[in-house]
Amino acid sequence: MTIAAIAVAIGLLPMPYEYYVLLRFLLCGMSIWLLSQVAGGSGVTPWVLVGLAILFNPIVPIELGRGLVSAVAHIGAVAYFWMLSRRTAHAPRW
């Protein structure tokens, strides 16, 4: 989660388009990885992660622009990943 937070913070600066494509790969991959970790979580969590994976997919990108909407989406996604990782770290594995 720390890497994603740092990557999104760097992405708030004016960067080349290729960086944002890399950021999409990172955030989409984290959504899919967390989806595999919380299989069996609450009814909303898997749907939110699927939505984030679709939003940040690099194959058919949903353009958010480089403004406020994009910044809020990226920061919100990292905050959700962080909250979810904290919750799953303390959950019993059995």
N, C-alpha and C. Protein backbone atom coordinates (compact mmCIF):
# COMPACT_ATOMS: atom_id res chain seq x y z
N MET A 1 0.81 -1.18 0.00
CA MET A 1 0.00 0.00 0.00
C MET A 1 0.86 1.26 0.00
N THR A 2 2.01 1.18 0.63
CA THR A 2 2.91 2.34 0.67
C THR A 2 3.39 2.71 -0.72
N ILE A 3 3.70 1.70 -1.52
CA ILE A 3 4.16 1.96 -2.88
C ILE A 3 3.06 2.64 -3.69
N ALA A 4 1.82 2.16 -3.54
CA ALA A 4 0.71 2.77 -4.26
C ALA A 4 0.50 4.21 -3.82
N ALA A 5 0.61 4.48 -2.53
CA ALA A 5 0.43 5.85 -2.03
C ALA A 5 1.51 6.77 -2.58
N ILE A 6 2.74 6.29 -2.61
CA ILE A 6 3.84 7.10 -3.14
C ILE A 6 3.65 7.32 -4.64
N ALA A 7 3.24 6.27 -5.36
CA ALA A 7 3.03 6.39 -6.81
C ALA A 7 1.92 7.37 -7.12
N VAL A 8 0.83 7.35 -6.35
CA VAL A 8 -0.27 8.29 -6.58
C VAL A 8 0.17 9.70 -6.22
N ALA A 9 0.95 9.85 -5.14
CA ALA A 9 1.44 11.19 -4.77
C ALA A 9 2.32 11.77 -5.87
N ILE A 10 3.18 10.94 -6.45
CA ILE A 10 4.01 11.40 -7.57
C ILE A 10 3.13 11.73 -8.77
N GLY A 11 2.06 10.94 -8.96
CA GLY A 11 1.15 11.17 -10.07
C GLY A 11 0.37 12.47 -9.98
N LEU A 12 0.33 13.07 -8.80
CA LEU A 12 -0.34 14.37 -8.67
C LEU A 12 0.48 15.48 -9.30
N LEU A 13 1.76 15.23 -9.51
CA LEU A 13 2.62 16.18 -10.20
C LEU A 13 2.43 16.02 -11.71
N PRO A 14 2.79 17.02 -12.49
CA PRO A 14 2.71 16.87 -13.95
C PRO A 14 3.74 15.83 -14.41
N MET A 15 3.27 14.72 -14.90
CA MET A 15 4.13 13.62 -15.34
C MET A 15 3.78 13.27 -16.79
N PRO A 16 4.66 12.54 -17.47
CA PRO A 16 4.34 12.10 -18.83
C PRO A 16 3.19 11.08 -18.81
N TYR A 17 2.54 10.96 -19.95
CA TYR A 17 1.39 10.07 -20.07
C TYR A 17 1.74 8.63 -19.71
N GLU A 18 2.94 8.20 -20.02
CA GLU A 18 3.37 6.83 -19.75
C GLU A 18 3.34 6.51 -18.25
N TYR A 19 3.61 7.51 -17.43
CA TYR A 19 3.56 7.29 -15.98
C TYR A 19 2.14 6.95 -15.55
N TYR A 20 1.16 7.65 -16.12
CA TYR A 20 -0.22 7.40 -15.75
C TYR A 20 -0.68 6.02 -16.23
N VAL A 21 -0.16 5.57 -17.36
CA VAL A 21 -0.45 4.20 -17.82
C VAL A 21 0.13 3.20 -16.83
N LEU A 22 1.35 3.42 -16.38
CA LEU A 22 1.96 2.55 -15.38
C LEU A 22 1.16 2.58 -14.07
N LEU A 23 0.68 3.75 -13.70
CA LEU A 23 -0.13 3.87 -12.50
C LEU A 23 -1.43 3.09 -12.64
N ARG A 24 -2.01 3.08 -13.83
CA ARG A 24 -3.21 2.27 -14.08
C ARG A 24 -2.92 0.79 -13.88
N PHE A 25 -1.79 0.32 -14.41
CA PHE A 25 -1.42 -1.08 -14.22
C PHE A 25 -1.29 -1.40 -12.73
N LEU A 26 -0.64 -0.51 -11.99
CA LEU A 26 -0.43 -0.73 -10.57
C LEU A 26 -1.76 -0.78 -9.81
N LEU A 27 -2.63 0.19 -10.03
CA LEU A 27 -3.88 0.24 -9.29
C LEU A 27 -4.85 -0.86 -9.71
N CYS A 28 -4.87 -1.21 -10.99
CA CYS A 28 -5.71 -2.32 -11.44
C CYS A 28 -5.20 -3.63 -10.86
N GLY A 29 -3.88 -3.81 -10.88
CA GLY A 29 -3.29 -5.02 -10.30
C GLY A 29 -3.55 -5.13 -8.81
N MET A 30 -3.48 -4.02 -8.10
CA MET A 30 -3.76 -4.05 -6.67
C MET A 30 -5.22 -4.38 -6.41
N SER A 31 -6.12 -3.88 -7.25
CA SER A 31 -7.54 -4.21 -7.09
C SER A 31 -7.76 -5.70 -7.26
N ILE A 32 -7.15 -6.27 -8.27
CA ILE A 32 -7.32 -7.71 -8.52
C ILE A 32 -6.68 -8.52 -7.41
N TRP A 33 -5.50 -8.11 -6.94
CA TRP A 33 -4.83 -8.84 -5.87
C TRP A 33 -5.65 -8.78 -4.58
N LEU A 34 -6.17 -7.60 -4.23
CA LEU A 34 -6.99 -7.49 -3.03
C LEU A 34 -8.29 -8.27 -3.19
N LEU A 35 -8.81 -8.33 -4.40
CA LEU A 35 -10.02 -9.12 -4.64
C LEU A 35 -9.77 -10.59 -4.34
N SER A 36 -8.58 -11.08 -4.67
CA SER A 36 -8.26 -12.47 -4.37
C SER A 36 -8.04 -12.68 -2.87
N GLN A 37 -7.63 -11.63 -2.15
CA GLN A 37 -7.39 -11.75 -0.72
C GLN A 37 -8.68 -11.71 0.10
N VAL A 38 -9.69 -11.03 -0.38
CA VAL A 38 -10.93 -10.86 0.38
C VAL A 38 -12.07 -11.69 -0.20
N ALA A 39 -11.75 -12.75 -0.93
CA ALA A 39 -12.81 -13.61 -1.47
C ALA A 39 -13.59 -14.18 -0.30
N GLY A 40 -14.79 -13.76 -0.12
CA GLY A 40 -15.59 -14.17 1.02
C GLY A 40 -15.80 -13.02 1.99
N GLY A 41 -15.40 -11.83 1.59
CA GLY A 41 -15.61 -10.66 2.43
C GLY A 41 -17.07 -10.23 2.39
N SER A 42 -17.35 -9.05 2.85
CA SER A 42 -18.73 -8.56 2.83
C SER A 42 -19.23 -8.43 1.40
N GLY A 43 -20.52 -8.28 1.24
CA GLY A 43 -21.11 -8.25 -0.09
C GLY A 43 -20.69 -7.06 -0.94
N VAL A 44 -20.30 -5.95 -0.32
CA VAL A 44 -19.96 -4.73 -1.06
C VAL A 44 -18.51 -4.73 -1.49
N THR A 45 -17.63 -5.25 -0.66
CA THR A 45 -16.19 -5.17 -0.91
C THR A 45 -15.77 -5.73 -2.26
N PRO A 46 -16.18 -6.96 -2.63
CA PRO A 46 -15.76 -7.46 -3.96
C PRO A 46 -16.26 -6.59 -5.11
N TRP A 47 -17.45 -6.03 -4.97
CA TRP A 47 -17.99 -5.19 -6.05
C TRP A 47 -17.23 -3.89 -6.18
N VAL A 48 -16.83 -3.32 -5.06
CA VAL A 48 -16.03 -2.08 -5.12
C VAL A 48 -14.69 -2.36 -5.78
N LEU A 49 -14.07 -3.48 -5.44
CA LEU A 49 -12.77 -3.83 -6.03
C LEU A 49 -12.91 -4.11 -7.53
N VAL A 50 -13.98 -4.77 -7.93
CA VAL A 50 -14.21 -4.99 -9.37
C VAL A 50 -14.40 -3.64 -10.07
N GLY A 51 -15.15 -2.74 -9.44
CA GLY A 51 -15.34 -1.41 -10.01
C GLY A 51 -14.03 -0.65 -10.15
N LEU A 52 -13.17 -0.75 -9.14
CA LEU A 52 -11.87 -0.08 -9.21
C LEU A 52 -10.98 -0.71 -10.28
N ALA A 53 -11.04 -2.04 -10.41
CA ALA A 53 -10.25 -2.71 -11.45
C ALA A 53 -10.72 -2.27 -12.84
N ILE A 54 -12.02 -2.10 -13.01
CA ILE A 54 -12.55 -1.64 -14.30
C ILE A 54 -12.17 -0.17 -14.53
N LEU A 55 -12.28 0.64 -13.49
CA LEU A 55 -11.95 2.07 -13.62
C LEU A 55 -10.49 2.29 -14.00
N PHE A 56 -9.60 1.51 -13.40
CA PHE A 56 -8.17 1.71 -13.63
C PHE A 56 -7.56 0.73 -14.63
N ASN A 57 -8.39 -0.02 -15.37
CA ASN A 57 -7.80 -0.99 -16.30
C ASN A 57 -7.04 -0.28 -17.40
N PRO A 58 -5.87 -0.81 -17.76
CA PRO A 58 -5.05 -0.15 -18.78
C PRO A 58 -5.41 -0.55 -20.20
N ILE A 59 -6.22 -1.58 -20.38
CA ILE A 59 -6.56 -2.07 -21.71
C ILE A 59 -7.60 -1.18 -22.39
N VAL A 60 -8.70 -0.92 -21.69
CA VAL A 60 -9.75 -0.02 -22.19
C VAL A 60 -9.90 1.08 -21.15
N PRO A 61 -9.04 2.09 -21.19
CA PRO A 61 -9.01 3.09 -20.12
C PRO A 61 -10.26 3.96 -20.09
N ILE A 62 -10.68 4.28 -18.89
CA ILE A 62 -11.73 5.26 -18.67
C ILE A 62 -10.99 6.56 -18.34
N GLU A 63 -11.07 7.51 -19.23
CA GLU A 63 -10.30 8.75 -19.07
C GLU A 63 -10.95 9.65 -18.02
N LEU A 64 -10.18 9.98 -17.01
CA LEU A 64 -10.62 10.89 -15.97
C LEU A 64 -10.00 12.27 -16.12
N GLY A 65 -9.08 12.40 -17.06
CA GLY A 65 -8.37 13.67 -17.23
C GLY A 65 -7.24 13.76 -16.22
N ARG A 66 -6.66 14.93 -16.11
CA ARG A 66 -5.55 15.13 -15.17
C ARG A 66 -5.92 16.15 -14.09
N GLY A 67 -7.19 16.36 -13.89
CA GLY A 67 -7.61 17.38 -12.95
C GLY A 67 -8.04 16.83 -11.61
N LEU A 68 -8.98 17.51 -11.01
CA LEU A 68 -9.45 17.20 -9.67
C LEU A 68 -10.12 15.84 -9.60
N VAL A 69 -10.91 15.48 -10.61
CA VAL A 69 -11.61 14.20 -10.61
C VAL A 69 -10.62 13.05 -10.56
N SER A 70 -9.58 13.13 -11.34
CA SER A 70 -8.56 12.09 -11.36
C SER A 70 -7.84 12.00 -10.02
N ALA A 71 -7.48 13.13 -9.45
CA ALA A 71 -6.78 13.13 -8.16
C ALA A 71 -7.65 12.54 -7.07
N VAL A 72 -8.92 12.90 -7.03
CA VAL A 72 -9.82 12.36 -6.02
C VAL A 72 -10.00 10.85 -6.20
N ALA A 73 -10.13 10.39 -7.45
CA ALA A 73 -10.29 8.96 -7.71
C ALA A 73 -9.06 8.18 -7.27
N HIS A 74 -7.88 8.67 -7.58
CA HIS A 74 -6.65 7.97 -7.22
C HIS A 74 -6.42 7.97 -5.70
N ILE A 75 -6.60 9.09 -5.07
CA ILE A 75 -6.40 9.17 -3.62
C ILE A 75 -7.46 8.34 -2.90
N GLY A 76 -8.69 8.40 -3.38
CA GLY A 76 -9.76 7.59 -2.79
C GLY A 76 -9.49 6.10 -2.93
N ALA A 77 -8.98 5.68 -4.07
CA ALA A 77 -8.67 4.27 -4.28
C ALA A 77 -7.57 3.81 -3.34
N VAL A 78 -6.52 4.60 -3.20
CA VAL A 78 -5.43 4.22 -2.29
C VAL A 78 -5.93 4.20 -0.85
N ALA A 79 -6.76 5.15 -0.47
CA ALA A 79 -7.31 5.15 0.89
C ALA A 79 -8.16 3.90 1.12
N TYR A 80 -8.94 3.50 0.13
CA TYR A 80 -9.75 2.29 0.25
C TYR A 80 -8.87 1.05 0.32
N PHE A 81 -7.83 0.99 -0.50
CA PHE A 81 -6.89 -0.14 -0.44
C PHE A 81 -6.24 -0.23 0.94
N TRP A 82 -5.84 0.91 1.48
CA TRP A 82 -5.19 0.93 2.78
C TRP A 82 -6.14 0.43 3.86
N MET A 83 -7.38 0.94 3.84
CA MET A 83 -8.38 0.53 4.82
C MET A 83 -8.66 -0.97 4.70
N LEU A 84 -8.78 -1.45 3.49
CA LEU A 84 -9.07 -2.86 3.27
C LEU A 84 -7.90 -3.74 3.67
N SER A 85 -6.68 -3.31 3.40
CA SER A 85 -5.52 -4.11 3.78
C SER A 85 -5.38 -4.16 5.30
N ARG A 86 -5.68 -3.07 5.99
CA ARG A 86 -5.64 -3.06 7.45
C ARG A 86 -6.69 -4.01 8.02
N ARG A 87 -7.87 -4.02 7.40
CA ARG A 87 -8.95 -4.88 7.87
C ARG A 87 -8.64 -6.34 7.63
N THR A 88 -8.07 -6.67 6.47
CA THR A 88 -7.77 -8.06 6.17
C THR A 88 -6.54 -8.55 6.92
N ALA A 89 -5.64 -7.65 7.31
CA ALA A 89 -4.45 -8.06 8.07
C ALA A 89 -4.84 -8.52 9.47
N HIS A 90 -5.90 -7.96 10.02
CA HIS A 90 -6.33 -8.33 11.36
C HIS A 90 -7.42 -9.39 11.38
N ALA A 91 -7.88 -9.79 10.20
CA ALA A 91 -8.94 -10.82 10.14
C ALA A 91 -8.32 -12.21 10.28
N PRO A 92 -9.04 -13.12 10.90
CA PRO A 92 -8.52 -14.49 11.01
C PRO A 92 -8.48 -15.17 9.64
N ARG A 93 -7.48 -15.96 9.40
CA ARG A 93 -7.32 -16.64 8.11
C ARG A 93 -8.17 -17.90 7.98
N TRP A 94 -8.64 -18.42 9.08
CA TRP A 94 -9.40 -19.68 9.01
C TRP A 94 -10.83 -19.41 8.99
